[in-house]
Amino acid sequence: MSEEMTLFKSIHSVSERQRLFTKLLSSQGNLYLKDKFDRSLPLKASEVDSRFYLKCFSPSEGDLQLNEDETYTAVFWIDQEKYMFETRPQLRGADLMLPVMNLFHLQKRRTFRYQVPNDFASDFKINHLNQKTTNVSCRMIDVSTQGCAVEVGLTTIDLKLEDILQAELIFGDREPILVQGVIKNIRKKDFQTLVLGVEFHHMAHSSEEKIMLAISDLQRELFNRQVA
């Protein structure tokens, strides 16, 4: 992947990791532990050791049940820049230890359209068309927080420019992300398939964040496949 097409940058440098976690400790800012269903637990880090294990405590209750055999994502901000790392939490009495497995800097490229691999389980499920209930599944070609391109069967549903859609974005087994959008372009791919360009609108901030997290998790998964 070229640098300009990357939504996150992997951070391997020990000195850079030390700098970031020293800033996180001194700022006393929150970090958020998230599972694949976007359930989260707010945490504060109190210490970090030479192996980059963060000792944390929770300042408030969250809706996340921890399993030491599962991989979670921890998200935090330094100087208004967003970072995330993979971790497998370890309970040590009253302390929660977070080993930093892979650390990434999330890039500010919200308009970049990420190409969804053919072998990745994803779906664009149309639930309403012009406020009428429907149930049509489309294959996602690319996606960003601003819109997406999808493939749909030519005879599946009657579609026109400026039609308003309500749909769910489905990435693997993550919780579906609700979006509303309008069809901005339609073209034939072949004699049985249409390609739709959908522009999202009336989108809550929470949906934008969920899309960014889903894309980042997808890229991280593919990144890990490449380096395995």
Foldseek 3Di string as FASTA:
>chain_A
DDPVQDQKDWDDDLVVVVVVVVQQQVVQDWKWKAALQRWIFIWTFNDADSQGKTKIAGPDDTDDDADQVDKIKIWDDDPNWIKIFIFRWDDDDRIIITGGDIIITGHPDQPRKAADDPPWDKWKWWQDKQNHGDTFIWAWGIDGLFWTKTKGWPPPDDDDFQIKTWTWIDGHPYDTQTWIWTFHDWDDPDPTMIMTTTTTDPDDPVSNVSVSVSVNVVVVVVVVVVVD
